Structures are given as C-alpha cells and as structure tokens.
Amino acid sequence: MSTQDKVIEIIAEQAVLEPSDVTLDSTLSDLGIDSLGLVECIFAIEEEFDISIPFNANEPQESDFDISNVAAIVAGIDKLISEKV
C-alpha cells in the first residue's frame, strides 16, 4: 500500500468517512476533522510510518509540516520517510 493510500485510510477513519470520500485536494476541515482529530491523525500516521512529524498542535501555523490538504500531508510524510533512511 502506498503512503498516499495509507494516509487517506487513516484520515478517512478519523473523519468516519470512506477512503473514496477523501481526495488529495481535501482539507482536514472539509472532512470535518477538528484540532483533536488532527492530533489523533498525526499520532496514527507517526505510528504507522515510524516517523516523528514536526507539528505543534498548540501553534499549528508555526509548524514546519504543511497540513493545508491531504496532498501536502502525503508529500510531507514522504519527505520525512526519505530523510529517515
């Protein structure tokens, strides 16, 4: 399963949606994910990919991790995975 598919699966589960309802252009707020849901998504993604996401839930705008939409999240995760090697 690709990073993109797994991330979409995690986000869909958090949003209580089908993965087919989540597009790369979807924002988390479009999907009904609030700040608590975002934190739970981040934890699930970190656990799934064994990475640490540089995200501060208290100051999301100060974070180096782009959560503007699903595509940005996938790109950020791919970058973290590649840096981990």
C-alpha atoms as a PDB file:
ATOM      1  CA  MET A   1       0.000   0.000   0.000  1.00  0.00           C
ATOM      2  CA  SER A   2       1.395   3.400  -0.944  1.00  0.00           C
ATOM      3  CA  THR A   3       1.972   6.219   1.531  1.00  0.00           C
ATOM      4  CA  GLN A   4      -0.871   8.103  -0.099  1.00  0.00           C
ATOM      5  CA  ASP A   5      -3.325   5.206   0.253  1.00  0.00           C
ATOM      6  CA  LYS A   6      -2.372   4.611   3.891  1.00  0.00           C
ATOM      7  CA  VAL A   7      -2.631   8.311   4.805  1.00  0.00           C
ATOM      8  CA  ILE A   8      -6.032   8.547   3.111  1.00  0.00           C
ATOM      9  CA  GLU A   9      -7.142   5.445   5.012  1.00  0.00           C
ATOM     10  CA  ILE A  10      -6.023   6.945   8.361  1.00  0.00           C
ATOM     11  CA  ILE A  11      -7.662  10.321   7.635  1.00  0.00           C
ATOM     12  CA  ALA A  12     -10.885   8.659   6.424  1.00  0.00           C
ATOM     13  CA  GLU A  13     -11.032   6.548   9.570  1.00  0.00           C
ATOM     14  CA  GLN A  14     -10.582   9.659  11.723  1.00  0.00           C
ATOM     15  CA  ALA A  15     -13.276  11.527   9.764  1.00  0.00           C
ATOM     16  CA  VAL A  16     -15.603   8.489   9.814  1.00  0.00           C
ATOM     17  CA  LEU A  17     -15.721   8.512   6.019  1.00  0.00           C
ATOM     18  CA  GLU A  18     -14.961   6.042   3.274  1.00  0.00           C
ATOM     19  CA  PRO A  19     -11.445   6.397   1.802  1.00  0.00           C
ATOM     20  CA  SER A  20     -13.133   7.139  -1.542  1.00  0.00           C
ATOM     21  CA  ASP A  21     -14.597  10.302   0.067  1.00  0.00           C
ATOM     22  CA  VAL A  22     -11.094  11.670   0.748  1.00  0.00           C
ATOM     23  CA  THR A  23      -9.304  13.360  -2.164  1.00  0.00           C
ATOM     24  CA  LEU A  24      -5.814  14.832  -2.366  1.00  0.00           C
ATOM     25  CA  ASP A  25      -7.427  18.274  -2.551  1.00  0.00           C
ATOM     26  CA  SER A  26      -9.480  17.716   0.612  1.00  0.00           C
ATOM     27  CA  THR A  27      -8.588  19.858   3.598  1.00  0.00           C
ATOM     28  CA  LEU A  28      -8.990  18.378   7.047  1.00  0.00           C
ATOM     29  CA  SER A  29     -11.679  20.936   7.855  1.00  0.00           C
ATOM     30  CA  ASP A  30     -13.536  19.938   4.634  1.00  0.00           C
ATOM     31  CA  LEU A  31     -13.584  16.415   6.047  1.00  0.00           C
ATOM     32  CA  GLY A  32     -14.877  17.560   9.435  1.00  0.00           C
ATOM     33  CA  ILE A  33     -11.632  16.896  11.311  1.00  0.00           C
ATOM     34  CA  ASP A  34     -11.135  19.284  14.211  1.00  0.00           C
ATOM     35  CA  SER A  35      -7.928  20.044  16.101  1.00  0.00           C
ATOM     36  CA  LEU A  36      -8.308  16.979  18.337  1.00  0.00           C
ATOM     37  CA  GLY A  37      -8.925  14.794  15.285  1.00  0.00           C
ATOM     38  CA  LEU A  38      -5.858  16.314  13.657  1.00  0.00           C
ATOM     39  CA  VAL A  39      -3.698  15.352  16.638  1.00  0.00           C
ATOM     40  CA  GLU A  40      -5.108  11.806  16.531  1.00  0.00           C
ATOM     41  CA  CYS A  41      -4.361  11.637  12.768  1.00  0.00           C
ATOM     42  CA  ILE A  42      -0.783  12.789  13.385  1.00  0.00           C
ATOM     43  CA  PHE A  43      -0.291  10.168  16.112  1.00  0.00           C
ATOM     44  CA  ALA A  44      -1.728   7.413  13.888  1.00  0.00           C
ATOM     45  CA  ILE A  45       0.466   8.467  10.953  1.00  0.00           C
ATOM     46  CA  GLU A  46       3.585   8.642  13.140  1.00  0.00           C
ATOM     47  CA  GLU A  47       2.873   5.174  14.473  1.00  0.00           C
ATOM     48  CA  GLU A  48       2.102   3.704  11.033  1.00  0.00           C
ATOM     49  CA  PHE A  49       5.239   5.060   9.358  1.00  0.00           C
ATOM     50  CA  ASP A  50       7.546   5.120  12.411  1.00  0.00           C
ATOM     51  CA  ILE A  51       8.310   8.809  11.914  1.00  0.00           C
ATOM     52  CA  SER A  52       8.108  11.938  14.033  1.00  0.00           C
ATOM     53  CA  ILE A  53       6.072  14.744  12.489  1.00  0.00           C
ATOM     54  CA  PRO A  54       7.315  18.243  13.395  1.00  0.00           C
ATOM     55  CA  PHE A  55       3.900  19.554  14.325  1.00  0.00           C
ATOM     56  CA  ASN A  56       2.940  21.679  17.307  1.00  0.00           C
ATOM     57  CA  ALA A  57      -0.790  21.361  17.929  1.00  0.00           C
ATOM     58  CA  ASN A  58      -0.705  24.468  20.125  1.00  0.00           C
ATOM     59  CA  GLU A  59       0.808  26.554  17.313  1.00  0.00           C
ATOM     60  CA  PRO A  60      -0.067  24.839  14.014  1.00  0.00           C
ATOM     61  CA  GLN A  61       0.928  27.896  11.980  1.00  0.00           C
ATOM     62  CA  GLU A  62       4.434  27.713  13.486  1.00  0.00           C
ATOM     63  CA  SER A  63       4.955  24.104  12.426  1.00  0.00           C
ATOM     64  CA  ASP A  64       7.247  23.066   9.593  1.00  0.00           C
ATOM     65  CA  PHE A  65       4.700  20.487   8.491  1.00  0.00           C
ATOM     66  CA  ASP A  66       2.146  21.550   5.867  1.00  0.00           C
ATOM     67  CA  ILE A  67      -1.352  20.304   6.685  1.00  0.00           C
ATOM     68  CA  SER A  68      -3.164  22.510   4.176  1.00  0.00           C
ATOM     69  CA  ASN A  69      -4.601  19.499   2.350  1.00  0.00           C
ATOM     70  CA  VAL A  70      -4.222  15.735   2.001  1.00  0.00           C
ATOM     71  CA  ALA A  71      -1.667  16.028  -0.846  1.00  0.00           C
ATOM     72  CA  ALA A  72       0.554  18.288   1.304  1.00  0.00           C
ATOM     73  CA  ILE A  73       0.356  15.832   4.201  1.00  0.00           C
ATOM     74  CA  VAL A  74       1.324  12.903   1.937  1.00  0.00           C
ATOM     75  CA  ALA A  75       4.235  14.910   0.461  1.00  0.00           C
ATOM     76  CA  GLY A  76       5.423  15.846   3.937  1.00  0.00           C
ATOM     77  CA  ILE A  77       5.295  12.239   5.112  1.00  0.00           C
ATOM     78  CA  ASP A  78       7.199  11.029   2.029  1.00  0.00           C
ATOM     79  CA  LYS A  79       9.870  13.645   2.764  1.00  0.00           C
ATOM     80  CA  LEU A  80      10.156  12.536   6.411  1.00  0.00           C
ATOM     81  CA  ILE A  81      10.400   8.879   5.379  1.00  0.00           C
ATOM     82  CA  SER A  82      13.149   9.661   2.851  1.00  0.00           C
ATOM     83  CA  GLU A  83      15.110  11.660   5.456  1.00  0.00           C
ATOM     84  CA  LYS A  84      14.854   8.808   7.952  1.00  0.00           C
ATOM     85  CA  VAL A  85      16.944   6.372   5.911  1.00  0.00           C
END
